[in-house]
Amino acid sequence: MAGVITGLFHVAIKTADLAKTRWFYCDLLGLAEVARPDFGYPGAWIAVPTPVGEAIIHIYAGGPALGPEGKAPSGSGAIDHISLTAVGYHDFIARFRQQGIDWREFLVPNTTYWQLFVYDPSGVQLELTFDGRAEQGEPPDMSPGRCYVAGTSFFQPSQYAFA
């Protein structure tokens, strides 16, 4: 049998602040923390809250998360963003607004895809992608300052000081 890629198993994110990062993915975005093997350093496995509950984001802190300077790196490096499918477009905007976290919006041309872009506390950019046909309310705000512009960062670490 020829080799075949069958899907994305997980994404691993290094963090300097495990508690804030866990809060962002679990409390703000609504993903679920699941059991994680003891690798000998702190971390968390974050899963999609479905019956299968695939652990799609692995977070680690301390030990191997630390670079040569003894601290975890920030940002996405060569990876521009991670995209997750979602429902409840305006609910996510309300969550971001309530927590004072900035976001950007985008309507993918010639498709039904609505997108929200947001950063986690470590500066990793996430894209939440929605099927606009299943959403209610106004479509993405494409006005300057709110519309997502590829390659332009709007990450502000101070927005996560409360977490």
C-alpha atoms as a PDB file:
ATOM      1  CA  MET A   1       0.000   0.000   0.000  1.00  0.00           C
ATOM      2  CA  ALA A   2       1.296   3.463  -0.878  1.00  0.00           C
ATOM      3  CA  GLY A   3       1.839   6.009   1.897  1.00  0.00           C
ATOM      4  CA  VAL A   4      -1.133   8.321   2.404  1.00  0.00           C
ATOM      5  CA  ILE A   5      -1.581  11.314   4.693  1.00  0.00           C
ATOM      6  CA  THR A   6      -4.929  10.861   6.454  1.00  0.00           C
ATOM      7  CA  GLY A   7      -5.240  14.046   8.520  1.00  0.00           C
ATOM      8  CA  LEU A   8      -3.682  16.408  11.023  1.00  0.00           C
ATOM      9  CA  PHE A   9      -2.973  14.562  14.285  1.00  0.00           C
ATOM     10  CA  HIS A  10      -2.056  17.528  16.480  1.00  0.00           C
ATOM     11  CA  VAL A  11      -0.216  20.840  16.723  1.00  0.00           C
ATOM     12  CA  ALA A  12       2.300  21.375  19.554  1.00  0.00           C
ATOM     13  CA  ILE A  13       2.628  24.824  21.103  1.00  0.00           C
ATOM     14  CA  LYS A  14       5.368  25.953  23.495  1.00  0.00           C
ATOM     15  CA  THR A  15       4.299  28.409  26.183  1.00  0.00           C
ATOM     16  CA  ALA A  16       5.871  30.467  28.937  1.00  0.00           C
ATOM     17  CA  ASP A  17       2.536  30.536  30.801  1.00  0.00           C
ATOM     18  CA  LEU A  18       0.691  27.226  30.916  1.00  0.00           C
ATOM     19  CA  ALA A  19      -2.209  28.583  33.003  1.00  0.00           C
ATOM     20  CA  LYS A  20      -2.977  31.454  30.613  1.00  0.00           C
ATOM     21  CA  THR A  21      -2.663  29.203  27.591  1.00  0.00           C
ATOM     22  CA  ARG A  22      -4.923  26.537  29.118  1.00  0.00           C
ATOM     23  CA  TRP A  23      -7.454  29.291  29.997  1.00  0.00           C
ATOM     24  CA  PHE A  24      -7.427  30.615  26.416  1.00  0.00           C
ATOM     25  CA  TYR A  25      -8.073  27.268  24.751  1.00  0.00           C
ATOM     26  CA  CYS A  26     -10.431  25.757  27.349  1.00  0.00           C
ATOM     27  CA  ASP A  27     -12.287  28.627  28.994  1.00  0.00           C
ATOM     28  CA  LEU A  28     -12.353  31.183  26.185  1.00  0.00           C
ATOM     29  CA  LEU A  29     -12.553  28.951  23.100  1.00  0.00           C
ATOM     30  CA  GLY A  30     -14.446  26.083  24.777  1.00  0.00           C
ATOM     31  CA  LEU A  31     -12.094  23.214  23.950  1.00  0.00           C
ATOM     32  CA  ALA A  32     -11.625  20.433  26.509  1.00  0.00           C
ATOM     33  CA  GLU A  33      -8.545  19.398  28.452  1.00  0.00           C
ATOM     34  CA  VAL A  34      -7.998  15.634  28.308  1.00  0.00           C
ATOM     35  CA  ALA A  35      -5.640  13.201  30.002  1.00  0.00           C
ATOM     36  CA  ARG A  36      -1.981  13.661  29.072  1.00  0.00           C
ATOM     37  CA  PRO A  37       0.853  11.199  29.636  1.00  0.00           C
ATOM     38  CA  ASP A  38       3.525  12.235  32.150  1.00  0.00           C
ATOM     39  CA  PHE A  39       6.402  13.334  29.944  1.00  0.00           C
ATOM     40  CA  GLY A  40       8.363  14.674  32.915  1.00  0.00           C
ATOM     41  CA  TYR A  41       7.555  18.330  32.208  1.00  0.00           C
ATOM     42  CA  PRO A  42       4.367  20.415  32.489  1.00  0.00           C
ATOM     43  CA  GLY A  43       1.826  20.607  29.704  1.00  0.00           C
ATOM     44  CA  ALA A  44      -1.741  19.998  28.619  1.00  0.00           C
ATOM     45  CA  TRP A  45      -3.563  18.187  25.839  1.00  0.00           C
ATOM     46  CA  ILE A  46      -6.486  20.139  24.459  1.00  0.00           C
ATOM     47  CA  ALA A  47      -9.246  18.346  22.547  1.00  0.00           C
ATOM     48  CA  VAL A  48     -12.268  19.075  20.421  1.00  0.00           C
ATOM     49  CA  PRO A  49     -15.290  18.537  22.712  1.00  0.00           C
ATOM     50  CA  THR A  50     -16.883  15.833  20.554  1.00  0.00           C
ATOM     51  CA  PRO A  51     -17.661  12.217  21.444  1.00  0.00           C
ATOM     52  CA  VAL A  52     -14.281  11.218  20.004  1.00  0.00           C
ATOM     53  CA  GLY A  53     -12.487  14.169  21.623  1.00  0.00           C
ATOM     54  CA  GLU A  54      -9.364  14.252  19.478  1.00  0.00           C
ATOM     55  CA  ALA A  55      -6.475  15.999  21.265  1.00  0.00           C
ATOM     56  CA  ILE A  56      -5.573  18.422  18.501  1.00  0.00           C
ATOM     57  CA  ILE A  57      -3.427  20.880  20.456  1.00  0.00           C
ATOM     58  CA  HIS A  58      -0.575  19.769  22.686  1.00  0.00           C
ATOM     59  CA  ILE A  59       0.847  22.452  24.960  1.00  0.00           C
ATOM     60  CA  TYR A  60       4.093  22.161  26.818  1.00  0.00           C
ATOM     61  CA  ALA A  61       5.880  24.417  29.269  1.00  0.00           C
ATOM     62  CA  GLY A  62       9.218  24.240  31.032  1.00  0.00           C
ATOM     63  CA  GLY A  63      11.875  21.731  29.995  1.00  0.00           C
ATOM     64  CA  PRO A  64      11.710  21.276  26.220  1.00  0.00           C
ATOM     65  CA  ALA A  65       9.560  24.408  25.796  1.00  0.00           C
ATOM     66  CA  LEU A  66      12.522  26.546  26.827  1.00  0.00           C
ATOM     67  CA  GLY A  67      14.946  27.813  24.220  1.00  0.00           C
ATOM     68  CA  PRO A  68      18.667  28.513  24.612  1.00  0.00           C
ATOM     69  CA  GLU A  69      17.891  31.665  26.629  1.00  0.00           C
ATOM     70  CA  GLY A  70      15.858  29.649  29.146  1.00  0.00           C
ATOM     71  CA  LYS A  71      12.469  30.984  28.056  1.00  0.00           C
ATOM     72  CA  ALA A  72       9.742  29.804  25.710  1.00  0.00           C
ATOM     73  CA  PRO A  73       9.612  31.451  22.296  1.00  0.00           C
ATOM     74  CA  SER A  74       6.684  33.627  21.277  1.00  0.00           C
ATOM     75  CA  GLY A  75       4.757  33.724  17.999  1.00  0.00           C
ATOM     76  CA  SER A  76       4.210  31.265  15.203  1.00  0.00           C
ATOM     77  CA  GLY A  77       7.633  31.293  13.545  1.00  0.00           C
ATOM     78  CA  ALA A  78       7.324  30.080   9.969  1.00  0.00           C
ATOM     79  CA  ILE A  79       3.778  28.837  10.593  1.00  0.00           C
ATOM     80  CA  ASP A  80       1.443  31.739   9.909  1.00  0.00           C
ATOM     81  CA  HIS A  81      -1.618  30.378  11.721  1.00  0.00           C
ATOM     82  CA  ILE A  82      -3.582  27.324  12.813  1.00  0.00           C
ATOM     83  CA  SER A  83      -7.133  26.985  11.480  1.00  0.00           C
ATOM     84  CA  LEU A  84      -9.956  25.383  13.463  1.00  0.00           C
ATOM     85  CA  THR A  85     -13.511  24.875  12.213  1.00  0.00           C
ATOM     86  CA  ALA A  86     -16.192  26.322  14.454  1.00  0.00           C
ATOM     87  CA  VAL A  87     -19.852  27.334  14.782  1.00  0.00           C
ATOM     88  CA  GLY A  88     -21.250  30.363  16.593  1.00  0.00           C
ATOM     89  CA  TYR A  89     -19.412  33.205  14.857  1.00  0.00           C
ATOM     90  CA  HIS A  90     -21.002  36.046  16.845  1.00  0.00           C
ATOM     91  CA  ASP A  91     -20.678  34.146  20.129  1.00  0.00           C
ATOM     92  CA  PHE A  92     -16.901  34.056  19.676  1.00  0.00           C
ATOM     93  CA  ILE A  93     -16.828  37.780  18.911  1.00  0.00           C
ATOM     94  CA  ALA A  94     -18.791  38.408  22.119  1.00  0.00           C
ATOM     95  CA  ARG A  95     -16.301  36.287  24.102  1.00  0.00           C
ATOM     96  CA  PHE A  96     -13.319  38.165  22.674  1.00  0.00           C
ATOM     97  CA  ARG A  97     -14.982  41.525  23.292  1.00  0.00           C
ATOM     98  CA  GLN A  98     -15.894  40.578  26.886  1.00  0.00           C
ATOM     99  CA  GLN A  99     -12.274  39.627  27.648  1.00  0.00           C
ATOM    100  CA  GLY A 100     -10.760  42.639  25.841  1.00  0.00           C
ATOM    101  CA  ILE A 101      -8.991  40.446  23.286  1.00  0.00           C
ATOM    102  CA  ASP A 102      -8.602  41.879  19.793  1.00  0.00           C
ATOM    103  CA  TRP A 103      -9.627  39.917  16.697  1.00  0.00           C
ATOM    104  CA  ARG A 104      -9.908  40.345  12.958  1.00  0.00           C
ATOM    105  CA  GLU A 105     -12.654  39.190  10.576  1.00  0.00           C
ATOM    106  CA  PHE A 106     -12.612  37.950   6.996  1.00  0.00           C
ATOM    107  CA  LEU A 107     -15.045  36.773   4.338  1.00  0.00           C
ATOM    108  CA  VAL A 108     -13.253  34.389   1.977  1.00  0.00           C
ATOM    109  CA  PRO A 109     -13.976  35.586  -1.575  1.00  0.00           C
ATOM    110  CA  ASN A 110     -16.380  33.488  -3.639  1.00  0.00           C
ATOM    111  CA  THR A 111     -17.053  31.048  -0.764  1.00  0.00           C
ATOM    112  CA  THR A 112     -19.400  30.746   2.213  1.00  0.00           C
ATOM    113  CA  TYR A 113     -16.478  30.840   4.693  1.00  0.00           C
ATOM    114  CA  TRP A 114     -16.506  33.401   7.487  1.00  0.00           C
ATOM    115  CA  GLN A 115     -13.286  33.693   9.508  1.00  0.00           C
ATOM    116  CA  LEU A 116     -12.129  35.123  12.810  1.00  0.00           C
ATOM    117  CA  PHE A 117      -8.437  35.598  13.585  1.00  0.00           C
ATOM    118  CA  VAL A 118      -7.177  35.817  17.161  1.00  0.00           C
ATOM    119  CA  TYR A 119      -3.905  35.190  19.023  1.00  0.00           C
ATOM    120  CA  ASP A 120      -3.316  32.872  21.970  1.00  0.00           C
ATOM    121  CA  PRO A 121      -1.286  34.175  24.960  1.00  0.00           C
ATOM    122  CA  SER A 122       1.949  32.853  23.386  1.00  0.00           C
ATOM    123  CA  GLY A 123       1.380  34.817  20.179  1.00  0.00           C
ATOM    124  CA  VAL A 124       0.241  31.876  18.060  1.00  0.00           C
ATOM    125  CA  GLN A 125      -2.325  33.093  15.531  1.00  0.00           C
ATOM    126  CA  LEU A 126      -5.538  31.089  15.198  1.00  0.00           C
ATOM    127  CA  GLU A 127      -8.080  31.207  12.413  1.00  0.00           C
ATOM    128  CA  LEU A 128     -11.583  30.088  13.334  1.00  0.00           C
ATOM    129  CA  THR A 129     -13.446  29.132  10.146  1.00  0.00           C
ATOM    130  CA  PHE A 130     -17.244  29.045   9.971  1.00  0.00           C
ATOM    131  CA  ASP A 131     -19.682  28.051   7.237  1.00  0.00           C
ATOM    132  CA  GLY A 132     -21.625  31.290   6.799  1.00  0.00           C
ATOM    133  CA  ARG A 133     -24.686  29.356   5.596  1.00  0.00           C
ATOM    134  CA  ALA A 134     -25.075  27.966   9.128  1.00  0.00           C
ATOM    135  CA  GLU A 135     -24.473  31.289  10.905  1.00  0.00           C
ATOM    136  CA  GLN A 136     -26.954  33.976  11.881  1.00  0.00           C
ATOM    137  CA  GLY A 137     -26.391  37.702  12.026  1.00  0.00           C
ATOM    138  CA  GLU A 138     -24.177  40.016  10.062  1.00  0.00           C
ATOM    139  CA  PRO A 139     -21.380  38.624   7.888  1.00  0.00           C
ATOM    140  CA  PRO A 140     -17.747  39.481   8.701  1.00  0.00           C
ATOM    141  CA  ASP A 141     -16.879  43.144   9.091  1.00  0.00           C
ATOM    142  CA  MET A 142     -14.499  43.891   6.216  1.00  0.00           C
ATOM    143  CA  SER A 143     -13.891  47.522   7.198  1.00  0.00           C
ATOM    144  CA  PRO A 144     -10.335  48.811   7.698  1.00  0.00           C
ATOM    145  CA  GLY A 145      -9.034  48.013  11.165  1.00  0.00           C
ATOM    146  CA  ARG A 146     -11.377  45.061  11.597  1.00  0.00           C
ATOM    147  CA  CYS A 147     -10.694  43.162   8.357  1.00  0.00           C
ATOM    148  CA  TYR A 148      -7.905  40.565   8.525  1.00  0.00           C
ATOM    149  CA  VAL A 149      -4.852  41.478   6.463  1.00  0.00           C
ATOM    150  CA  ALA A 150      -2.535  38.529   5.798  1.00  0.00           C
ATOM    151  CA  GLY A 151       0.966  39.006   7.159  1.00  0.00           C
ATOM    152  CA  THR A 152      -0.027  41.847   9.504  1.00  0.00           C
ATOM    153  CA  SER A 153       0.270  41.134  13.229  1.00  0.00           C
ATOM    154  CA  PHE A 154      -2.116  42.621  15.762  1.00  0.00           C
ATOM    155  CA  PHE A 155      -0.836  40.553  18.732  1.00  0.00           C
ATOM    156  CA  GLN A 156      -0.783  42.470  22.031  1.00  0.00           C
ATOM    157  CA  PRO A 157       0.531  40.355  24.961  1.00  0.00           C
ATOM    158  CA  SER A 158      -0.857  42.848  27.497  1.00  0.00           C
ATOM    159  CA  GLN A 159      -4.406  41.742  26.548  1.00  0.00           C
ATOM    160  CA  TYR A 160      -3.798  38.486  28.441  1.00  0.00           C
ATOM    161  CA  ALA A 161      -2.632  39.991  31.746  1.00  0.00           C
ATOM    162  CA  PHE A 162      -5.941  39.111  33.458  1.00  0.00           C
ATOM    163  CA  ALA A 163      -5.938  35.401  32.627  1.00  0.00           C
END
